[in-house]
C-alpha atoms as a PDB file:
ATOM      1  CA  MET A   1     142.592 132.057  29.852  1.00  0.00           C
ATOM      2  CA  TYR A   2     140.117 130.609  32.350  1.00  0.00           C
ATOM      3  CA  PHE A   3     137.141 131.044  30.336  1.00  0.00           C
ATOM      4  CA  ASN A   4     138.438 129.109  27.292  1.00  0.00           C
ATOM      5  CA  SER A   5     139.707 126.054  29.801  1.00  0.00           C
ATOM      6  CA  TYR A   6     136.364 125.978  31.463  1.00  0.00           C
ATOM      7  CA  TRP A   7     134.776 124.807  28.245  1.00  0.00           C
ATOM      8  CA  TYR A   8     137.045 122.306  27.412  1.00  0.00           C
ATOM      9  CA  VAL A   9     137.203 121.059  31.102  1.00  0.00           C
ATOM     10  CA  GLY A  10     133.177 120.825  31.015  1.00  0.00           C
ATOM     11  CA  LEU A  11     133.333 118.801  28.055  1.00  0.00           C
ATOM     12  CA  GLY A  12     135.952 116.437  29.206  1.00  0.00           C
ATOM     13  CA  ILE A  13     134.290 115.868  32.518  1.00  0.00           C
ATOM     14  CA  LEU A  14     130.710 115.416  30.544  1.00  0.00           C
ATOM     15  CA  SER A  15     132.580 112.980  28.415  1.00  0.00           C
ATOM     16  CA  LEU A  16     134.269 110.952  31.317  1.00  0.00           C
ATOM     17  CA  LEU A  17     130.777 110.828  32.976  1.00  0.00           C
ATOM     18  CA  ILE A  18     129.312 109.232  29.825  1.00  0.00           C
ATOM     19  CA  VAL A  19     132.041 106.706  29.578  1.00  0.00           C
ATOM     20  CA  GLY A  20     131.757 105.921  33.370  1.00  0.00           C
ATOM     21  CA  TYR A  21     127.793 105.506  32.915  1.00  0.00           C
ATOM     22  CA  VAL A  22     128.382 102.965  30.115  1.00  0.00           C
ATOM     23  CA  GLY A  23     131.005 101.031  32.297  1.00  0.00           C
ATOM     24  CA  LEU A  24     128.601 100.778  35.357  1.00  0.00           C
ATOM     25  CA  LYS A  25     125.748  99.722  33.120  1.00  0.00           C
ATOM     26  CA  LYS A  26     127.231  97.089  31.165  1.00  0.00           C
ATOM     27  CA  ARG A  27     130.037  96.132  33.384  1.00  0.00           C
ATOM     28  CA  ASN A  28     132.282  94.480  30.650  1.00  0.00           C
ATOM     29  CA  LYS A  29     135.789  95.095  29.310  1.00  0.00           C
ATOM     30  CA  ARG A  30     134.394  95.302  25.684  1.00  0.00           C
ATOM     31  CA  SER A  31     132.813  98.584  26.225  1.00  0.00           C
ATOM     32  CA  LEU A  32     136.278  99.972  27.475  1.00  0.00           C
ATOM     33  CA  MET A  33     137.912  98.244  24.452  1.00  0.00           C
ATOM     34  CA  LEU A  34     135.410  99.906  22.194  1.00  0.00           C
ATOM     35  CA  PHE A  35     136.232 103.530  23.788  1.00  0.00           C
ATOM     36  CA  PHE A  36     139.825 102.954  23.013  1.00  0.00           C
ATOM     37  CA  LEU A  37     139.257 101.574  19.552  1.00  0.00           C
ATOM     38  CA  MET A  38     137.364 104.885  18.834  1.00  0.00           C
ATOM     39  CA  ILE A  39     140.091 106.945  20.302  1.00  0.00           C
ATOM     40  CA  GLY A  40     142.678 105.244  18.019  1.00  0.00           C
ATOM     41  CA  LEU A  41     140.487 105.630  14.995  1.00  0.00           C
ATOM     42  CA  GLY A  42     140.128 109.263  15.838  1.00  0.00           C
ATOM     43  CA  TYR A  43     143.596 109.609  16.302  1.00  0.00           C
ATOM     44  CA  PHE A  44     144.614 108.280  13.025  1.00  0.00           C
ATOM     45  CA  ILE A  45     142.188 110.670  11.260  1.00  0.00           C
ATOM     46  CA  GLU A  46     143.229 113.714  13.310  1.00  0.00           C
ATOM     47  CA  ALA A  47     146.924 112.912  12.372  1.00  0.00           C
ATOM     48  CA  ILE A  48     145.983 113.405   8.696  1.00  0.00           C
ATOM     49  CA  ILE A  49     143.567 116.254   8.643  1.00  0.00           C
ATOM     50  CA  TYR A  50     144.773 118.063  11.822  1.00  0.00           C
ATOM     51  CA  ILE A  51     148.402 117.531  12.148  1.00  0.00           C
ATOM     52  CA  PHE A  52     149.609 117.132   8.542  1.00  0.00           C
ATOM     53  CA  LEU A  53     146.785 119.249   6.732  1.00  0.00           C
ATOM     54  CA  GLY A  54     146.173 121.872   9.302  1.00  0.00           C
ATOM     55  CA  SER A  55     142.463 121.554   9.171  1.00  0.00           C
ATOM     56  CA  TYR A  56     141.602 123.569  12.512  1.00  0.00           C
ATOM     57  CA  GLN A  57     142.879 125.034  15.885  1.00  0.00           C
ATOM     58  CA  TYR A  58     141.802 124.805  19.407  1.00  0.00           C
ATOM     59  CA  PHE A  59     142.326 127.455  21.984  1.00  0.00           C
ATOM     60  CA  PRO A  60     141.711 126.044  25.301  1.00  0.00           C
ATOM     61  CA  LYS A  61     144.400 128.010  27.037  1.00  0.00           C
ATOM     62  CA  PHE A  62     145.882 125.083  28.930  1.00  0.00           C
ATOM     63  CA  LEU A  63     149.427 125.554  27.667  1.00  0.00           C
ATOM     64  CA  ALA A  64     149.625 129.382  27.121  1.00  0.00           C
ATOM     65  CA  ASP A  65     153.465 129.293  26.539  1.00  0.00           C
ATOM     66  CA  GLU A  66     153.201 127.223  23.266  1.00  0.00           C
ATOM     67  CA  PRO A  67     150.145 127.587  21.075  1.00  0.00           C
ATOM     68  CA  TYR A  68     150.527 124.491  19.131  1.00  0.00           C
ATOM     69  CA  TYR A  69     150.848 122.241  22.187  1.00  0.00           C
ATOM     70  CA  ASP A  70     147.789 124.045  23.586  1.00  0.00           C
ATOM     71  CA  SER A  71     145.959 123.331  20.325  1.00  0.00           C
ATOM     72  CA  ASN A  72     146.931 119.589  20.764  1.00  0.00           C
ATOM     73  CA  MET A  73     145.338 119.602  24.265  1.00  0.00           C
ATOM     74  CA  GLY A  74     142.041 120.989  22.645  1.00  0.00           C
ATOM     75  CA  ALA A  75     142.499 117.806  20.054  1.00  0.00           C
ATOM     76  CA  ILE A  76     142.833 115.342  22.935  1.00  0.00           C
ATOM     77  CA  ALA A  77     139.705 116.528  24.780  1.00  0.00           C
ATOM     78  CA  SER A  78     137.985 116.186  21.376  1.00  0.00           C
ATOM     79  CA  ASN A  79     139.376 112.890  20.105  1.00  0.00           C
ATOM     80  CA  ALA A  80     140.395 111.130  23.290  1.00  0.00           C
ATOM     81  CA  LEU A  81     137.029 112.140  25.112  1.00  0.00           C
ATOM     82  CA  ALA A  82     134.181 113.616  23.707  1.00  0.00           C
ATOM     83  CA  LEU A  83     133.661 111.843  20.332  1.00  0.00           C
ATOM     84  CA  PRO A  84     134.894 108.230  21.463  1.00  0.00           C
ATOM     85  CA  SER A  85     132.547 108.390  24.529  1.00  0.00           C
ATOM     86  CA  ALA A  86     129.477 109.401  22.449  1.00  0.00           C
ATOM     87  CA  ALA A  87     130.511 106.631  20.005  1.00  0.00           C
ATOM     88  CA  ALA A  88     130.750 104.053  22.765  1.00  0.00           C
ATOM     89  CA  PHE A  89     127.445 105.277  23.901  1.00  0.00           C
ATOM     90  CA  ILE A  90     125.721 104.903  20.772  1.00  0.00           C
ATOM     91  CA  ALA A  91     127.125 101.486  20.039  1.00  0.00           C
ATOM     92  CA  VAL A  92     127.013  99.671  23.281  1.00  0.00           C
ATOM     93  CA  PHE A  93     123.337 100.692  23.779  1.00  0.00           C
ATOM     94  CA  ARG A  94     122.656  99.852  20.530  1.00  0.00           C
ATOM     95  CA  LEU A  95     120.762 103.274  19.841  1.00  0.00           C
ATOM     96  CA  ARG A  96     118.992 103.150  16.603  1.00  0.00           C
ATOM     97  CA  TRP A  97     120.457 104.877  13.411  1.00  0.00           C
ATOM     98  CA  ILE A  98     118.510 108.229  13.928  1.00  0.00           C
ATOM     99  CA  TRP A  99     120.542 108.519  16.969  1.00  0.00           C
ATOM    100  CA  LEU A 100     123.727 108.816  14.862  1.00  0.00           C
ATOM    101  CA  PHE A 101     122.433 112.136  13.395  1.00  0.00           C
ATOM    102  CA  VAL A 102     121.093 113.318  16.653  1.00  0.00           C
ATOM    103  CA  PHE A 103     124.516 113.076  18.188  1.00  0.00           C
ATOM    104  CA  THR A 104     125.991 114.487  15.037  1.00  0.00           C
ATOM    105  CA  GLY A 105     123.747 117.572  15.482  1.00  0.00           C
ATOM    106  CA  LEU A 106     124.929 118.013  18.872  1.00  0.00           C
ATOM    107  CA  PHE A 107     128.435 118.091  18.054  1.00  0.00           C
ATOM    108  CA  VAL A 108     127.801 120.197  15.185  1.00  0.00           C
ATOM    109  CA  GLY A 109     126.177 122.697  17.589  1.00  0.00           C
ATOM    110  CA  ILE A 110     129.062 122.419  20.027  1.00  0.00           C
ATOM    111  CA  GLU A 111     131.422 123.299  17.070  1.00  0.00           C
ATOM    112  CA  VAL A 112     129.413 126.372  16.180  1.00  0.00           C
ATOM    113  CA  LEU A 113     129.302 127.429  19.750  1.00  0.00           C
ATOM    114  CA  PHE A 114     133.347 127.000  20.145  1.00  0.00           C
ATOM    115  CA  LEU A 115     133.461 128.964  16.988  1.00  0.00           C
ATOM    116  CA  TYR A 116     131.233 131.686  18.361  1.00  0.00           C
ATOM    117  CA  LEU A 117     133.192 131.815  21.546  1.00  0.00           C
ATOM    118  CA  HIS A 118     136.696 132.018  19.460  1.00  0.00           C
ATOM    119  CA  ILE A 119     138.019 129.112  21.357  1.00  0.00           C
ATOM    120  CA  TYR A 120     138.253 127.121  18.254  1.00  0.00           C
ATOM    121  CA  SER A 121     138.872 128.256  14.639  1.00  0.00           C
ATOM    122  CA  HIS A 122     138.719 126.620  11.043  1.00  0.00           C
ATOM    123  CA  ASN A 123     141.437 126.688   8.665  1.00  0.00           C
ATOM    124  CA  TRP A 124     140.088 124.944   5.440  1.00  0.00           C
ATOM    125  CA  TRP A 125     137.628 122.675   7.610  1.00  0.00           C
ATOM    126  CA  ARG A 126     133.958 123.242   7.213  1.00  0.00           C
ATOM    127  CA  LEU A 127     130.963 122.438   9.491  1.00  0.00           C
ATOM    128  CA  SER A 128     129.663 120.349   6.398  1.00  0.00           C
ATOM    129  CA  TYR A 129     132.648 118.083   6.787  1.00  0.00           C
ATOM    130  CA  THR A 130     131.757 117.577  10.342  1.00  0.00           C
ATOM    131  CA  ALA A 131     128.246 116.745   9.449  1.00  0.00           C
ATOM    132  CA  ILE A 132     129.170 114.061   6.973  1.00  0.00           C
ATOM    133  CA  GLY A 133     131.981 112.396   8.884  1.00  0.00           C
ATOM    134  CA  LEU A 134     130.567 112.072  12.393  1.00  0.00           C
ATOM    135  CA  PRO A 135     127.694 109.764  11.070  1.00  0.00           C
ATOM    136  CA  LEU A 136     130.220 107.435   9.380  1.00  0.00           C
ATOM    137  CA  TYR A 137     132.377 107.382  12.685  1.00  0.00           C
ATOM    138  CA  PHE A 138     129.514 106.623  14.720  1.00  0.00           C
ATOM    139  CA  ALA A 139     128.371 103.914  12.298  1.00  0.00           C
ATOM    140  CA  ALA A 140     131.847 102.675  12.267  1.00  0.00           C
ATOM    141  CA  ALA A 141     131.545 102.274  16.209  1.00  0.00           C
ATOM    142  CA  LYS A 142     128.304 100.334  15.936  1.00  0.00           C
ATOM    143  CA  ILE A 143     129.902  97.670  13.402  1.00  0.00           C
ATOM    144  CA  LEU A 144     133.205  97.471  15.313  1.00  0.00           C
ATOM    145  CA  HIS A 145     131.066  96.848  18.671  1.00  0.00           C
ATOM    146  CA  LEU A 146     129.461  93.881  16.980  1.00  0.00           C
ATOM    147  CA  LYS A 147     133.059  92.618  15.792  1.00  0.00           C
ATOM    148  CA  LEU A 148     134.288  92.948  19.649  1.00  0.00           C
ATOM    149  CA  LEU A 149     131.466  90.623  20.720  1.00  0.00           C
ATOM    150  CA  GLN A 150     132.881  87.914  18.757  1.00  0.00           C
ATOM    151  CA  PRO A 151     136.436  85.944  19.188  1.00  0.00           C
ATOM    152  CA  LEU A 152     138.762  87.778  16.697  1.00  0.00           C
ATOM    153  CA  GLN A 153     141.469  86.177  14.386  1.00  0.00           C
ATOM    154  CA  GLY A 154     143.751  87.382  11.375  1.00  0.00           C
ATOM    155  CA  ALA A 155     143.577  90.441   9.797  1.00  0.00           C
ATOM    156  CA  ILE A 156     140.499  91.836  11.800  1.00  0.00           C
ATOM    157  CA  HIS A 157     142.202  90.907  14.897  1.00  0.00           C
ATOM    158  CA  PHE A 158     145.397  92.672  14.007  1.00  0.00           C
ATOM    159  CA  LEU A 159     143.843  96.115  12.947  1.00  0.00           C
ATOM    160  CA  ILE A 160     141.627  96.291  16.150  1.00  0.00           C
ATOM    161  CA  LEU A 161     144.366  95.612  18.475  1.00  0.00           C
ATOM    162  CA  LEU A 162     146.476  98.106  16.651  1.00  0.00           C
ATOM    163  CA  PHE A 163     143.792 100.720  16.830  1.00  0.00           C
ATOM    164  CA  ILE A 164     143.416  99.991  20.537  1.00  0.00           C
ATOM    165  CA  ILE A 165     147.037 100.045  21.540  1.00  0.00           C
ATOM    166  CA  GLY A 166     147.491 102.987  19.334  1.00  0.00           C
ATOM    167  CA  PRO A 167     146.100 105.825  21.560  1.00  0.00           C
ATOM    168  CA  ILE A 168     147.703 104.373  24.552  1.00  0.00           C
ATOM    169  CA  THR A 169     151.020 104.648  22.775  1.00  0.00           C
ATOM    170  CA  GLY A 170     150.649 107.867  21.258  1.00  0.00           C
ATOM    171  CA  THR A 171     149.041 109.609  24.433  1.00  0.00           C
ATOM    172  CA  LEU A 172     152.050 108.434  26.623  1.00  0.00           C
ATOM    173  CA  HIS A 173     154.307 109.643  24.011  1.00  0.00           C
ATOM    174  CA  ILE A 174     153.226 113.104  23.458  1.00  0.00           C
ATOM    175  CA  LEU A 175     151.929 114.085  26.786  1.00  0.00           C
ATOM    176  CA  PRO A 176     155.356 114.344  28.785  1.00  0.00           C
ATOM    177  CA  ILE A 177     156.553 116.433  25.716  1.00  0.00           C
ATOM    178  CA  MET A 178     153.911 118.688  25.981  1.00  0.00           C
ATOM    179  CA  LEU A 179     153.770 119.034  29.737  1.00  0.00           C
ATOM    180  CA  LEU A 180     157.418 118.441  30.875  1.00  0.00           C
ATOM    181  CA  ASN A 181     159.225 119.457  27.820  1.00  0.00           C
ATOM    182  CA  ASN A 182     161.521 116.530  27.893  1.00  0.00           C
ATOM    183  CA  ARG A 183     162.383 116.300  24.184  1.00  0.00           C
ATOM    184  CA  TYR A 184     161.598 117.614  20.563  1.00  0.00           C
ATOM    185  CA  TYR A 185     162.116 116.491  17.257  1.00  0.00           C
ATOM    186  CA  ARG A 186     163.410 118.299  14.261  1.00  0.00           C
ATOM    187  CA  PRO A 187     162.828 116.407  10.976  1.00  0.00           C
ATOM    188  CA  GLY A 188     162.233 119.607   9.345  1.00  0.00           C
ATOM    189  CA  TRP A 189     158.629 118.996   8.042  1.00  0.00           C
ATOM    190  CA  PHE A 190     157.273 122.336   9.575  1.00  0.00           C
ATOM    191  CA  VAL A 191     158.486 125.582  10.603  1.00  0.00           C
ATOM    192  CA  ASN A 192     156.976 125.619  13.836  1.00  0.00           C
ATOM    193  CA  LEU A 193     159.078 123.412  16.287  1.00  0.00           C
ATOM    194  CA  ALA A 194     155.934 122.250  18.464  1.00  0.00           C
ATOM    195  CA  HIS A 195     154.194 121.267  15.033  1.00  0.00           C
ATOM    196  CA  ASP A 196     157.262 119.665  13.724  1.00  0.00           C
ATOM    197  CA  THR A 197     157.461 117.604  17.179  1.00  0.00           C
ATOM    198  CA  THR A 198     153.847 116.713  17.076  1.00  0.00           C
ATOM    199  CA  ALA A 199     153.985 115.600  13.630  1.00  0.00           C
ATOM    200  CA  PHE A 200     157.107 113.192  14.003  1.00  0.00           C
ATOM    201  CA  SER A 201     155.510 112.026  17.242  1.00  0.00           C
ATOM    202  CA  ALA A 202     152.492 110.908  15.390  1.00  0.00           C
ATOM    203  CA  VAL A 203     154.615 108.793  12.913  1.00  0.00           C
ATOM    204  CA  TYR A 204     156.746 107.376  15.721  1.00  0.00           C
ATOM    205  CA  TYR A 205     153.896 106.294  17.851  1.00  0.00           C
ATOM    206  CA  MET A 206     151.983 104.688  14.783  1.00  0.00           C
ATOM    207  CA  CYS A 207     155.205 102.901  13.743  1.00  0.00           C
ATOM    208  CA  LEU A 208     155.872 101.813  17.472  1.00  0.00           C
ATOM    209  CA  SER A 209     152.205 100.368  17.631  1.00  0.00           C
ATOM    210  CA  LEU A 210     152.659  98.572  14.679  1.00  0.00           C
ATOM    211  CA  LEU A 211     155.873  96.898  15.700  1.00  0.00           C
ATOM    212  CA  LEU A 212     154.287  96.001  19.086  1.00  0.00           C
ATOM    213  CA  VAL A 213     151.340  94.268  17.423  1.00  0.00           C
ATOM    214  CA  ILE A 214     153.557  92.427  15.258  1.00  0.00           C
ATOM    215  CA  THR A 215     155.537  91.565  18.198  1.00  0.00           C
ATOM    216  CA  VAL A 216     152.521  90.071  20.055  1.00  0.00           C
ATOM    217  CA  LYS A 217     151.753  87.974  17.004  1.00  0.00           C
ATOM    218  CA  LEU A 218     155.324  86.530  17.006  1.00  0.00           C
ATOM    219  CA  HIS A 219     155.285  82.946  18.366  1.00  0.00           C
ATOM    220  CA  TRP A 220     158.393  82.953  20.453  1.00  0.00           C
ATOM    221  CA  LYS A 221     159.077  80.235  22.987  1.00  0.00           C
ATOM    222  CA  TYR A 222     159.983  82.787  25.654  1.00  0.00           C
ATOM    223  CA  THR A 223     158.038  85.750  26.361  1.00  0.00           C
ATOM    224  CA  TRP A 224     160.857  87.691  27.878  1.00  0.00           C
ATOM    225  CA  LEU A 225     162.498  87.895  24.431  1.00  0.00           C
ATOM    226  CA  LYS A 226     159.695  90.054  23.140  1.00  0.00           C
ATOM    227  CA  TYR A 227     160.050  92.479  25.824  1.00  0.00           C
ATOM    228  CA  ALA A 228     163.776  92.587  25.236  1.00  0.00           C
ATOM    229  CA  PHE A 229     163.295  92.782  21.578  1.00  0.00           C
ATOM    230  CA  VAL A 230     160.931  95.993  21.646  1.00  0.00           C
ATOM    231  CA  SER A 231     163.318  97.649  24.427  1.00  0.00           C
ATOM    232  CA  ALA A 232     166.317  97.122  22.315  1.00  0.00           C
ATOM    233  CA  PHE A 233     164.483  98.437  19.226  1.00  0.00           C
ATOM    234  CA  ALA A 234     163.443 101.385  21.165  1.00  0.00           C
ATOM    235  CA  ALA A 235     167.187 101.970  22.294  1.00  0.00           C
ATOM    236  CA  LEU A 236     168.339 101.826  18.749  1.00  0.00           C
ATOM    237  CA  VAL A 237     165.969 104.171  17.396  1.00  0.00           C
ATOM    238  CA  THR A 238     166.721 106.760  20.032  1.00  0.00           C
ATOM    239  CA  ILE A 239     170.350 106.460  19.483  1.00  0.00           C
ATOM    240  CA  THR A 240     169.740 106.550  15.502  1.00  0.00           C
ATOM    241  CA  LEU A 241     167.542 109.589  16.018  1.00  0.00           C
ATOM    242  CA  ASN A 242     170.012 111.321  18.254  1.00  0.00           C
ATOM    243  CA  THR A 243     172.953 110.690  15.788  1.00  0.00           C
ATOM    244  CA  THR A 244     171.041 112.095  12.761  1.00  0.00           C
ATOM    245  CA  GLY A 245     169.797 115.354  14.567  1.00  0.00           C
ATOM    246  CA  ILE A 246     166.320 114.614  14.478  1.00  0.00           C
ATOM    247  CA  LEU A 247     165.812 114.087  18.299  1.00  0.00           C
ATOM    248  CA  TYR A 248     166.995 116.324  20.999  1.00  0.00           C
ATOM    249  CA  SER A 249     166.601 115.004  24.565  1.00  0.00           C
ATOM    250  CA  LEU A 250     166.349 117.673  27.134  1.00  0.00           C
ATOM    251  CA  VAL A 251     166.325 115.785  30.523  1.00  0.00           C
ATOM    252  CA  TRP A 252     168.276 112.780  31.904  1.00  0.00           C
ATOM    253  CA  TRP A 253     165.197 110.486  32.183  1.00  0.00           C
ATOM    254  CA  ASP A 254     163.902 111.077  28.772  1.00  0.00           C
ATOM    255  CA  PRO A 255     165.759 108.171  26.915  1.00  0.00           C
ATOM    256  CA  ILE A 256     164.870 105.762  29.749  1.00  0.00           C
ATOM    257  CA  TYR A 257     161.274 106.602  29.725  1.00  0.00           C
ATOM    258  CA  TYR A 258     161.049 106.085  25.767  1.00  0.00           C
ATOM    259  CA  ILE A 259     163.060 102.653  26.015  1.00  0.00           C
ATOM    260  CA  LEU A 260     161.047 101.279  28.984  1.00  0.00           C
ATOM    261  CA  LEU A 261     157.501 102.313  27.776  1.00  0.00           C
ATOM    262  CA  PRO A 262     157.428  99.959  24.890  1.00  0.00           C
ATOM    263  CA  MET A 263     157.631  97.158  27.415  1.00  0.00           C
ATOM    264  CA  VAL A 264     154.830  98.210  29.469  1.00  0.00           C
ATOM    265  CA  ILE A 265     152.545  98.761  26.397  1.00  0.00           C
ATOM    266  CA  LEU A 266     153.536  95.224  25.164  1.00  0.00           C
ATOM    267  CA  LYS A 267     152.322  93.996  28.145  1.00  0.00           C
ATOM    268  CA  ILE A 268     148.876  95.646  27.699  1.00  0.00           C
ATOM    269  CA  ALA A 269     148.748  94.682  24.145  1.00  0.00           C
ATOM    270  CA  MET A 270     149.223  91.007  24.784  1.00  0.00           C
ATOM    271  CA  GLU A 271     146.367  90.861  27.452  1.00  0.00           C
ATOM    272  CA  VAL A 272     144.178  92.917  25.184  1.00  0.00           C
ATOM    273  CA  SER A 273     145.131  90.285  22.353  1.00  0.00           C
ATOM    274  CA  ASN A 274     144.126  87.431  24.449  1.00  0.00           C
ATOM    275  CA  ARG A 275     140.830  89.048  25.151  1.00  0.00           C
ATOM    276  CA  LEU A 276     140.074  89.696  21.541  1.00  0.00           C
ATOM    277  CA  SER A 277     141.023  86.128  20.422  1.00  0.00           C
ATOM    278  CA  ASN A 278     139.149  84.373  23.321  1.00  0.00           C
ATOM    279  CA  GLY A 279     135.753  86.453  22.867  1.00  0.00           C
ATOM    280  CA  PRO A 280     133.695  87.714  25.764  1.00  0.00           C
ATOM    281  CA  VAL A 281     131.832  84.352  26.321  1.00  0.00           C
ATOM    282  CA  LEU A 282     134.765  82.261  27.131  1.00  0.00           C
ATOM    283  CA  ARG A 283     136.273  85.155  29.106  1.00  0.00           C
ATOM    284  CA  LYS A 284     132.982  85.739  30.833  1.00  0.00           C
ATOM    285  CA  GLU A 285     132.863  89.469  30.017  1.00  0.00           C
END
């Protein structure tokens, strides 16, 4: 058990050190925004290939009682820490394009090692897919970083805000489920309950993130109405999912948490939105 965990914990610590180094060297919020933006992009890709298409499986042995949630923890280590930290490092320090392939080779090597150690396995995924996909992911980070250095408006502002807020919404949604067993979903998409819950959670957080960004964009006279709106919508969704037998709450605080959570994330989204609109120069970032 501990053998598997050490490798994932080590990868996570190294990733956090890279993020910390980037933050200390650059001392601007754009680097942090880019980090979250790349997490959001990674989450979106993983929702398709990992959750719905079953590309691979992780075995970090953090949550031994439920293998699929345990695999999710490995996915988080990869897509919320390792890959976005490397992408932010490449983009923020404006490394030459050759470094995209150097880091790709490094991650392919880590993947080979994890396969050899049997702490990660492929279903239909291949190493060649990683070798092709990662340079595109890192290239996207370089392009998006340049965008973040400008005041943003319109569709690009909407999409970047969505991908920054998405991982915050998604992580705060699924972590209590995996760690505290406070609820589960049963839409009937997959036989395994944890897989079914994870898949529905992915759809849930994406829809909620979209709603939050739309709400940020609304020009309402009173800001408190936006908080009331997202909270009421979350309450309505909770009641509807309970009534239709998709949602099963297992602890008393579960509905309260998921009704109040959108208000917290809305506050974050509005602050991020203002920074994206004003640009780094006007905000002295």
